[in-house]
Amino acid sequence: MAPSRIVFLMYHELELPGRTLVQSEPGYVRYILPLETFRGQMEWLKESGYQGLSVSEASSYPQERSVCITFDDGCETDLISAAPVLREFGFRGTFYLTSGFLGIPGYLSPEQVRQLDALGLEIGCHSMTHPYLSDLSDQELGREIVEAKIQIEDILAHNIEHFSCPGGRYDRRTLEIARRAGFRTVANSEFHVNSTSTNPYELGRVAVLRDLSIPEFGAICRGRGLWKKRAGVRARQSVQHILGNRAYDKLRDTLLGGRQG
């Protein structure tokens, strides 16, 4: 039997009518889906015979048609919006929390984290303060990875095993510190399908963008055309390497703002 190949989907905050997003920058908003758009995607998955899995479940690469559903940042809409939709369709998922954001308006509180966990949804870590990890010293990496893990585990009173890199940026030090901290997987933002041959510390994920149509969403879930997206990512990474992370982000937000304006 051929090895299973699973696309890991990456979501962020969900948009609700009358509710202010935690950020308003164009580079952030492009990743934000209205709740009904997200629900429509989950409905398509269910009708198309897909299972929605957590990272732990997907890491066993079952033969059934599946996608892995992940959320970054730890916004309050993880609990009040995403969780009810996942439960409606019998799906699971993994929620990567930025531990230093917990309790800030718009983000989950520690009590809400425990509620999300009690629903049977998986909790992971997305660093302490959401920096680009490749820019940090070893000491700073320890705080962002090791101490953030401890903070979340203190809230939950059990271990967590999965980490995702803010902005998808990482280096070899990042992966080694995460491994030593006890994480079993590290996810990035590379556009590729994962399988049993994928390094569990370099799991690719596909960002679900705001303007994605259902046919485009379906193609992503089937792993089709990801090489084209990957080529675009490679081009952007080349520019990031030349400009540096902060200068690249400033340029990106300027260009996006100009298009939206």
C-alpha atoms as a PDB file:
ATOM      1  CA  MET A   1       0.000   0.000   0.000  1.00  0.00           C
ATOM      2  CA  ALA A   2       1.361   3.433  -0.940  1.00  0.00           C
ATOM      3  CA  PRO A   3       2.387   5.657   1.983  1.00  0.00           C
ATOM      4  CA  SER A   4      -0.210   8.209   3.050  1.00  0.00           C
ATOM      5  CA  ARG A   5       0.418  11.844   2.148  1.00  0.00           C
ATOM      6  CA  ILE A   6      -1.313  14.531   4.212  1.00  0.00           C
ATOM      7  CA  VAL A   7      -1.586  18.280   3.714  1.00  0.00           C
ATOM      8  CA  PHE A   8      -1.286  20.301   6.921  1.00  0.00           C
ATOM      9  CA  LEU A   9      -3.510  23.399   6.748  1.00  0.00           C
ATOM     10  CA  MET A  10      -2.567  26.580   8.632  1.00  0.00           C
ATOM     11  CA  TYR A  11      -5.253  28.961   9.915  1.00  0.00           C
ATOM     12  CA  HIS A  12      -5.185  32.036  12.126  1.00  0.00           C
ATOM     13  CA  GLU A  13      -7.818  34.254  13.713  1.00  0.00           C
ATOM     14  CA  LEU A  14     -11.370  34.011  12.349  1.00  0.00           C
ATOM     15  CA  GLU A  15     -13.337  37.148  11.539  1.00  0.00           C
ATOM     16  CA  LEU A  16     -16.716  37.673  13.210  1.00  0.00           C
ATOM     17  CA  PRO A  17     -19.206  40.448  12.350  1.00  0.00           C
ATOM     18  CA  GLY A  18     -18.709  43.458  14.627  1.00  0.00           C
ATOM     19  CA  ARG A  19     -15.592  42.023  16.273  1.00  0.00           C
ATOM     20  CA  THR A  20     -12.252  43.843  15.907  1.00  0.00           C
ATOM     21  CA  LEU A  21      -9.295  41.747  14.765  1.00  0.00           C
ATOM     22  CA  VAL A  22      -6.245  41.614  17.018  1.00  0.00           C
ATOM     23  CA  GLN A  23      -4.182  43.207  14.220  1.00  0.00           C
ATOM     24  CA  SER A  24      -5.101  45.355  11.236  1.00  0.00           C
ATOM     25  CA  GLU A  25      -1.928  45.229   9.101  1.00  0.00           C
ATOM     26  CA  PRO A  26      -2.531  44.000   5.517  1.00  0.00           C
ATOM     27  CA  GLY A  27       0.119  41.293   5.965  1.00  0.00           C
ATOM     28  CA  TYR A  28      -1.956  39.908   8.851  1.00  0.00           C
ATOM     29  CA  VAL A  29      -5.450  40.407   7.447  1.00  0.00           C
ATOM     30  CA  ARG A  30      -4.696  38.372   4.316  1.00  0.00           C
ATOM     31  CA  TYR A  31      -4.529  35.279   6.575  1.00  0.00           C
ATOM     32  CA  ILE A  32      -7.850  35.992   8.319  1.00  0.00           C
ATOM     33  CA  LEU A  33     -10.950  34.119   7.147  1.00  0.00           C
ATOM     34  CA  PRO A  34     -14.532  35.111   7.900  1.00  0.00           C
ATOM     35  CA  LEU A  35     -16.128  32.447  10.077  1.00  0.00           C
ATOM     36  CA  GLU A  36     -18.562  31.394   7.347  1.00  0.00           C
ATOM     37  CA  THR A  37     -15.704  30.923   4.886  1.00  0.00           C
ATOM     38  CA  PHE A  38     -13.985  28.608   7.350  1.00  0.00           C
ATOM     39  CA  ARG A  39     -17.221  26.730   7.968  1.00  0.00           C
ATOM     40  CA  GLY A  40     -17.723  26.331   4.222  1.00  0.00           C
ATOM     41  CA  GLN A  41     -14.275  24.793   3.894  1.00  0.00           C
ATOM     42  CA  MET A  42     -14.954  22.340   6.716  1.00  0.00           C
ATOM     43  CA  GLU A  43     -18.280  21.436   5.088  1.00  0.00           C
ATOM     44  CA  TRP A  44     -16.463  20.770   1.810  1.00  0.00           C
ATOM     45  CA  LEU A  45     -13.985  18.500   3.602  1.00  0.00           C
ATOM     46  CA  LYS A  46     -16.789  16.518   5.218  1.00  0.00           C
ATOM     47  CA  GLU A  47     -18.781  16.165   1.994  1.00  0.00           C
ATOM     48  CA  SER A  48     -15.618  15.144   0.125  1.00  0.00           C
ATOM     49  CA  GLY A  49     -14.874  12.330   2.548  1.00  0.00           C
ATOM     50  CA  TYR A  50     -11.958  13.910   4.403  1.00  0.00           C
ATOM     51  CA  GLN A  51     -11.074  13.521   8.054  1.00  0.00           C
ATOM     52  CA  GLY A  52      -9.828  16.595   9.923  1.00  0.00           C
ATOM     53  CA  LEU A  53      -6.952  15.557  12.195  1.00  0.00           C
ATOM     54  CA  SER A  54      -4.712  16.980  14.903  1.00  0.00           C
ATOM     55  CA  VAL A  55      -0.948  16.941  14.448  1.00  0.00           C
ATOM     56  CA  SER A  56      -0.625  13.889  16.705  1.00  0.00           C
ATOM     57  CA  GLU A  57      -3.225  12.005  14.656  1.00  0.00           C
ATOM     58  CA  ALA A  58      -1.817  13.117  11.301  1.00  0.00           C
ATOM     59  CA  SER A  59       1.719  12.159  12.331  1.00  0.00           C
ATOM     60  CA  SER A  60       0.704   8.506  12.175  1.00  0.00           C
ATOM     61  CA  TYR A  61      -0.274   9.074   8.497  1.00  0.00           C
ATOM     62  CA  PRO A  62      -3.474   7.025   8.341  1.00  0.00           C
ATOM     63  CA  GLN A  63      -4.530   5.694   4.954  1.00  0.00           C
ATOM     64  CA  GLU A  64      -7.937   7.403   5.103  1.00  0.00           C
ATOM     65  CA  ARG A  65      -8.329  10.632   3.143  1.00  0.00           C
ATOM     66  CA  SER A  66      -7.288  13.313   5.622  1.00  0.00           C
ATOM     67  CA  VAL A  67      -5.971  16.795   6.235  1.00  0.00           C
ATOM     68  CA  CYS A  68      -4.351  18.172   9.379  1.00  0.00           C
ATOM     69  CA  ILE A  69      -6.009  21.338  10.729  1.00  0.00           C
ATOM     70  CA  THR A  70      -3.809  23.789  12.646  1.00  0.00           C
ATOM     71  CA  PHE A  71      -4.281  27.287  14.054  1.00  0.00           C
ATOM     72  CA  ASP A  72      -1.500  29.696  14.995  1.00  0.00           C
ATOM     73  CA  ASP A  73      -1.283  32.482  17.623  1.00  0.00           C
ATOM     74  CA  GLY A  74      -3.955  31.510  20.177  1.00  0.00           C
ATOM     75  CA  CYS A  75      -6.690  34.028  19.341  1.00  0.00           C
ATOM     76  CA  GLU A  76      -9.939  33.887  21.304  1.00  0.00           C
ATOM     77  CA  THR A  77     -11.790  32.850  18.148  1.00  0.00           C
ATOM     78  CA  ASP A  78     -10.017  29.482  18.439  1.00  0.00           C
ATOM     79  CA  LEU A  79     -12.452  28.649  21.235  1.00  0.00           C
ATOM     80  CA  ILE A  80     -15.539  30.675  20.414  1.00  0.00           C
ATOM     81  CA  SER A  81     -15.590  30.092  16.644  1.00  0.00           C
ATOM     82  CA  ALA A  82     -13.221  27.425  15.332  1.00  0.00           C
ATOM     83  CA  ALA A  83     -13.811  24.805  18.023  1.00  0.00           C
ATOM     84  CA  PRO A  84     -17.624  24.667  17.587  1.00  0.00           C
ATOM     85  CA  VAL A  85     -17.242  24.273  13.812  1.00  0.00           C
ATOM     86  CA  LEU A  86     -14.656  21.497  14.172  1.00  0.00           C
ATOM     87  CA  ARG A  87     -16.904  19.671  16.630  1.00  0.00           C
ATOM     88  CA  GLU A  88     -19.920  20.134  14.341  1.00  0.00           C
ATOM     89  CA  PHE A  89     -18.164  18.173  11.606  1.00  0.00           C
ATOM     90  CA  GLY A  90     -16.450  15.668  13.888  1.00  0.00           C
ATOM     91  CA  PHE A  91     -12.979  17.066  13.210  1.00  0.00           C
ATOM     92  CA  ARG A  92     -10.011  17.662  15.458  1.00  0.00           C
ATOM     93  CA  GLY A  93      -7.114  20.056  15.184  1.00  0.00           C
ATOM     94  CA  THR A  94      -4.055  21.516  16.858  1.00  0.00           C
ATOM     95  CA  PHE A  95      -3.951  25.050  18.267  1.00  0.00           C
ATOM     96  CA  TYR A  96      -0.454  26.514  18.563  1.00  0.00           C
ATOM     97  CA  LEU A  97      -0.450  29.180  21.296  1.00  0.00           C
ATOM     98  CA  THR A  98       1.837  32.187  21.689  1.00  0.00           C
ATOM     99  CA  SER A  99       2.206  31.919  25.452  1.00  0.00           C
ATOM    100  CA  GLY A 100       3.063  35.565  26.091  1.00  0.00           C
ATOM    101  CA  PHE A 101      -0.164  36.697  24.392  1.00  0.00           C
ATOM    102  CA  LEU A 102      -2.454  34.702  26.678  1.00  0.00           C
ATOM    103  CA  GLY A 103      -4.763  36.995  28.620  1.00  0.00           C
ATOM    104  CA  ILE A 104      -4.333  39.937  26.221  1.00  0.00           C
ATOM    105  CA  PRO A 105      -7.685  41.143  24.801  1.00  0.00           C
ATOM    106  CA  GLY A 106      -8.511  39.188  21.666  1.00  0.00           C
ATOM    107  CA  TYR A 107      -6.386  36.228  22.711  1.00  0.00           C
ATOM    108  CA  LEU A 108      -7.261  33.197  24.813  1.00  0.00           C
ATOM    109  CA  SER A 109      -7.082  33.451  28.583  1.00  0.00           C
ATOM    110  CA  PRO A 110      -5.492  30.614  30.565  1.00  0.00           C
ATOM    111  CA  GLU A 111      -8.972  29.428  31.550  1.00  0.00           C
ATOM    112  CA  GLN A 112     -10.065  29.402  27.911  1.00  0.00           C
ATOM    113  CA  VAL A 113      -6.965  27.378  27.039  1.00  0.00           C
ATOM    114  CA  ARG A 114      -8.071  24.776  29.549  1.00  0.00           C
ATOM    115  CA  GLN A 115     -11.582  24.819  28.039  1.00  0.00           C
ATOM    116  CA  LEU A 116     -10.169  24.249  24.561  1.00  0.00           C
ATOM    117  CA  ASP A 117      -8.070  21.390  25.870  1.00  0.00           C
ATOM    118  CA  ALA A 118     -11.075  19.880  27.672  1.00  0.00           C
ATOM    119  CA  LEU A 119     -12.940  19.727  24.349  1.00  0.00           C
ATOM    120  CA  GLY A 120     -10.367  17.205  23.156  1.00  0.00           C
ATOM    121  CA  LEU A 121      -8.602  19.662  20.862  1.00  0.00           C
ATOM    122  CA  GLU A 122      -4.824  19.538  20.845  1.00  0.00           C
ATOM    123  CA  ILE A 123      -2.700  22.370  22.249  1.00  0.00           C
ATOM    124  CA  GLY A 124       0.740  23.195  20.870  1.00  0.00           C
ATOM    125  CA  CYS A 125       3.233  26.046  21.232  1.00  0.00           C
ATOM    126  CA  HIS A 126       3.917  28.981  18.887  1.00  0.00           C
ATOM    127  CA  SER A 127       6.717  30.606  20.950  1.00  0.00           C
ATOM    128  CA  MET A 128       6.627  33.125  23.794  1.00  0.00           C
ATOM    129  CA  THR A 129       6.395  36.459  21.943  1.00  0.00           C
ATOM    130  CA  HIS A 130       6.120  35.552  18.219  1.00  0.00           C
ATOM    131  CA  PRO A 131       9.561  36.687  16.980  1.00  0.00           C
ATOM    132  CA  TYR A 132      11.391  35.400  13.937  1.00  0.00           C
ATOM    133  CA  LEU A 133      13.378  32.628  15.593  1.00  0.00           C
ATOM    134  CA  SER A 134      16.239  32.718  13.104  1.00  0.00           C
ATOM    135  CA  ASP A 135      17.037  36.279  14.283  1.00  0.00           C
ATOM    136  CA  LEU A 136      17.565  35.274  17.936  1.00  0.00           C
ATOM    137  CA  SER A 137      20.514  34.321  20.113  1.00  0.00           C
ATOM    138  CA  ASP A 138      20.670  30.868  21.676  1.00  0.00           C
ATOM    139  CA  GLN A 139      19.541  32.322  25.002  1.00  0.00           C
ATOM    140  CA  GLU A 140      16.580  34.064  23.404  1.00  0.00           C
ATOM    141  CA  LEU A 141      15.651  30.868  21.565  1.00  0.00           C
ATOM    142  CA  GLY A 142      15.575  29.035  24.885  1.00  0.00           C
ATOM    143  CA  ARG A 143      13.078  31.544  26.240  1.00  0.00           C
ATOM    144  CA  GLU A 144      10.893  31.454  23.142  1.00  0.00           C
ATOM    145  CA  ILE A 145      10.811  27.667  22.894  1.00  0.00           C
ATOM    146  CA  VAL A 146      11.619  26.047  26.247  1.00  0.00           C
ATOM    147  CA  GLU A 147      10.091  28.588  28.631  1.00  0.00           C
ATOM    148  CA  ALA A 148       7.013  29.009  26.442  1.00  0.00           C
ATOM    149  CA  LYS A 149       6.464  25.239  26.550  1.00  0.00           C
ATOM    150  CA  ILE A 150       6.714  25.244  30.344  1.00  0.00           C
ATOM    151  CA  GLN A 151       4.228  28.129  30.638  1.00  0.00           C
ATOM    152  CA  ILE A 152       1.599  26.323  28.566  1.00  0.00           C
ATOM    153  CA  GLU A 153       2.171  23.028  30.354  1.00  0.00           C
ATOM    154  CA  ASP A 154       1.713  24.775  33.710  1.00  0.00           C
ATOM    155  CA  ILE A 155      -1.704  25.980  32.507  1.00  0.00           C
ATOM    156  CA  LEU A 156      -2.758  22.569  31.216  1.00  0.00           C
ATOM    157  CA  ALA A 157      -1.071  20.379  33.854  1.00  0.00           C
ATOM    158  CA  HIS A 158       0.138  18.013  31.133  1.00  0.00           C
ATOM    159  CA  ASN A 159       2.822  17.879  28.459  1.00  0.00           C
ATOM    160  CA  ILE A 160       2.542  19.384  25.009  1.00  0.00           C
ATOM    161  CA  GLU A 161       4.459  17.917  22.075  1.00  0.00           C
ATOM    162  CA  HIS A 162       4.120  20.144  19.022  1.00  0.00           C
ATOM    163  CA  PHE A 163       5.683  23.490  18.069  1.00  0.00           C
ATOM    164  CA  SER A 164       5.189  25.832  15.105  1.00  0.00           C
ATOM    165  CA  CYS A 165       7.601  28.550  13.999  1.00  0.00           C
ATOM    166  CA  PRO A 166       6.307  32.143  13.858  1.00  0.00           C
ATOM    167  CA  GLY A 167       6.348  33.352  10.280  1.00  0.00           C
ATOM    168  CA  GLY A 168       7.715  29.949   9.297  1.00  0.00           C
ATOM    169  CA  ARG A 169      11.248  31.254   9.955  1.00  0.00           C
ATOM    170  CA  TYR A 170      13.715  28.926  11.666  1.00  0.00           C
ATOM    171  CA  ASP A 171      17.232  27.534  11.534  1.00  0.00           C
ATOM    172  CA  ARG A 172      19.001  24.375  12.671  1.00  0.00           C
ATOM    173  CA  ARG A 173      19.391  25.748  16.214  1.00  0.00           C
ATOM    174  CA  THR A 174      15.630  26.174  16.429  1.00  0.00           C
ATOM    175  CA  LEU A 175      15.019  22.527  15.594  1.00  0.00           C
ATOM    176  CA  GLU A 176      17.671  21.237  17.985  1.00  0.00           C
ATOM    177  CA  ILE A 177      16.426  23.310  20.926  1.00  0.00           C
ATOM    178  CA  ALA A 178      12.849  22.226  20.226  1.00  0.00           C
ATOM    179  CA  ARG A 179      13.929  18.587  20.108  1.00  0.00           C
ATOM    180  CA  ARG A 180      15.835  18.872  23.387  1.00  0.00           C
ATOM    181  CA  ALA A 181      12.838  20.609  24.979  1.00  0.00           C
ATOM    182  CA  GLY A 182      10.730  17.521  24.295  1.00  0.00           C
ATOM    183  CA  PHE A 183       8.739  18.588  21.258  1.00  0.00           C
ATOM    184  CA  ARG A 184       8.024  15.680  18.897  1.00  0.00           C
ATOM    185  CA  THR A 185       7.325  17.863  15.858  1.00  0.00           C
ATOM    186  CA  VAL A 186       8.107  21.330  14.534  1.00  0.00           C
ATOM    187  CA  ALA A 187       5.943  22.864  11.796  1.00  0.00           C
ATOM    188  CA  ASN A 188       6.929  25.632   9.425  1.00  0.00           C
ATOM    189  CA  SER A 189       5.243  27.376   6.471  1.00  0.00           C
ATOM    190  CA  GLU A 190       6.738  25.411   3.590  1.00  0.00           C
ATOM    191  CA  PHE A 191       4.226  24.481   0.894  1.00  0.00           C
ATOM    192  CA  HIS A 192       4.596  20.721   0.686  1.00  0.00           C
ATOM    193  CA  VAL A 193       2.658  17.578   1.524  1.00  0.00           C
ATOM    194  CA  ASN A 194       3.900  15.575   4.516  1.00  0.00           C
ATOM    195  CA  SER A 195       4.371  11.809   4.619  1.00  0.00           C
ATOM    196  CA  THR A 196       6.241   9.145   6.571  1.00  0.00           C
ATOM    197  CA  SER A 197       9.422  10.289   4.810  1.00  0.00           C
ATOM    198  CA  THR A 198       9.055  13.874   6.103  1.00  0.00           C
ATOM    199  CA  ASN A 199      11.354  14.965   8.934  1.00  0.00           C
ATOM    200  CA  PRO A 200       8.943  15.478  11.884  1.00  0.00           C
ATOM    201  CA  TYR A 201      10.924  18.614  12.803  1.00  0.00           C
ATOM    202  CA  GLU A 202      10.294  20.145   9.381  1.00  0.00           C
ATOM    203  CA  LEU A 203       6.595  19.628   8.773  1.00  0.00           C
ATOM    204  CA  GLY A 204       5.296  21.760   5.924  1.00  0.00           C
ATOM    205  CA  ARG A 205       2.020  23.636   6.208  1.00  0.00           C
ATOM    206  CA  VAL A 206      -0.101  25.469   3.665  1.00  0.00           C
ATOM    207  CA  ALA A 207      -1.470  28.835   4.751  1.00  0.00           C
ATOM    208  CA  VAL A 208      -5.166  29.224   3.967  1.00  0.00           C
ATOM    209  CA  LEU A 209      -5.565  32.776   2.671  1.00  0.00           C
ATOM    210  CA  ARG A 210      -8.602  35.012   2.834  1.00  0.00           C
ATOM    211  CA  ASP A 211      -9.370  35.086  -0.891  1.00  0.00           C
ATOM    212  CA  LEU A 212      -9.114  31.328  -1.500  1.00  0.00           C
ATOM    213  CA  SER A 213     -11.991  29.832  -3.497  1.00  0.00           C
ATOM    214  CA  ILE A 214     -13.449  26.406  -2.718  1.00  0.00           C
ATOM    215  CA  PRO A 215     -11.980  24.867  -5.916  1.00  0.00           C
ATOM    216  CA  GLU A 216      -8.564  26.268  -4.935  1.00  0.00           C
ATOM    217  CA  PHE A 217      -9.037  24.968  -1.396  1.00  0.00           C
ATOM    218  CA  GLY A 218      -9.896  21.535  -2.749  1.00  0.00           C
ATOM    219  CA  ALA A 219      -6.775  21.487  -4.913  1.00  0.00           C
ATOM    220  CA  ILE A 220      -4.629  22.335  -1.872  1.00  0.00           C
ATOM    221  CA  CYS A 221      -6.197  19.543   0.194  1.00  0.00           C
ATOM    222  CA  ARG A 222      -5.398  17.114  -2.621  1.00  0.00           C
ATOM    223  CA  GLY A 223      -1.820  18.407  -2.724  1.00  0.00           C
ATOM    224  CA  ARG A 224      -2.187  19.696  -6.273  1.00  0.00           C
ATOM    225  CA  GLY A 225      -0.199  22.647  -7.569  1.00  0.00           C
ATOM    226  CA  LEU A 226       1.761  23.130  -4.364  1.00  0.00           C
ATOM    227  CA  TRP A 227       4.995  23.241  -6.340  1.00  0.00           C
ATOM    228  CA  LYS A 228       3.869  26.536  -7.854  1.00  0.00           C
ATOM    229  CA  LYS A 229       3.209  27.993  -4.411  1.00  0.00           C
ATOM    230  CA  ARG A 230       6.518  26.588  -3.188  1.00  0.00           C
ATOM    231  CA  ALA A 231       8.344  28.368  -6.012  1.00  0.00           C
ATOM    232  CA  GLY A 232       6.772  31.634  -4.904  1.00  0.00           C
ATOM    233  CA  VAL A 233       7.827  30.994  -1.321  1.00  0.00           C
ATOM    234  CA  ARG A 234      11.398  30.299  -2.443  1.00  0.00           C
ATOM    235  CA  ALA A 235      11.455  33.616  -4.310  1.00  0.00           C
ATOM    236  CA  ARG A 236      10.193  35.495  -1.253  1.00  0.00           C
ATOM    237  CA  GLN A 237      12.735  33.746   0.957  1.00  0.00           C
ATOM    238  CA  SER A 238      15.522  34.948  -1.324  1.00  0.00           C
ATOM    239  CA  VAL A 239      14.322  38.533  -0.883  1.00  0.00           C
ATOM    240  CA  GLN A 240      13.994  38.006   2.885  1.00  0.00           C
ATOM    241  CA  HIS A 241      17.568  36.780   3.044  1.00  0.00           C
ATOM    242  CA  ILE A 242      18.811  39.880   1.215  1.00  0.00           C
ATOM    243  CA  LEU A 243      16.698  42.467   3.075  1.00  0.00           C
ATOM    244  CA  GLY A 244      16.376  40.814   6.478  1.00  0.00           C
ATOM    245  CA  ASN A 245      13.073  39.846   8.111  1.00  0.00           C
ATOM    246  CA  ARG A 246      11.984  43.278   9.356  1.00  0.00           C
ATOM    247  CA  ALA A 247      12.785  45.186   6.176  1.00  0.00           C
ATOM    248  CA  TYR A 248      11.044  42.515   4.112  1.00  0.00           C
ATOM    249  CA  ASP A 249       7.899  42.728   6.269  1.00  0.00           C
ATOM    250  CA  LYS A 250       7.826  46.512   5.942  1.00  0.00           C
ATOM    251  CA  LEU A 251       8.097  46.265   2.158  1.00  0.00           C
ATOM    252  CA  ARG A 252       5.426  43.539   1.999  1.00  0.00           C
ATOM    253  CA  ASP A 253       2.940  45.532   4.094  1.00  0.00           C
ATOM    254  CA  THR A 254       3.567  48.646   1.996  1.00  0.00           C
ATOM    255  CA  LEU A 255       2.845  46.755  -1.218  1.00  0.00           C
ATOM    256  CA  LEU A 256      -0.222  44.993   0.186  1.00  0.00           C
ATOM    257  CA  GLY A 257      -1.568  48.235   1.608  1.00  0.00           C
ATOM    258  CA  GLY A 258      -1.111  49.901  -1.732  1.00  0.00           C
ATOM    259  CA  ARG A 259      -3.066  47.172  -3.511  1.00  0.00           C
ATOM    260  CA  GLN A 260      -5.858  47.233  -0.976  1.00  0.00           C
ATOM    261  CA  GLY A 261      -6.064  50.994  -0.898  1.00  0.00           C
END
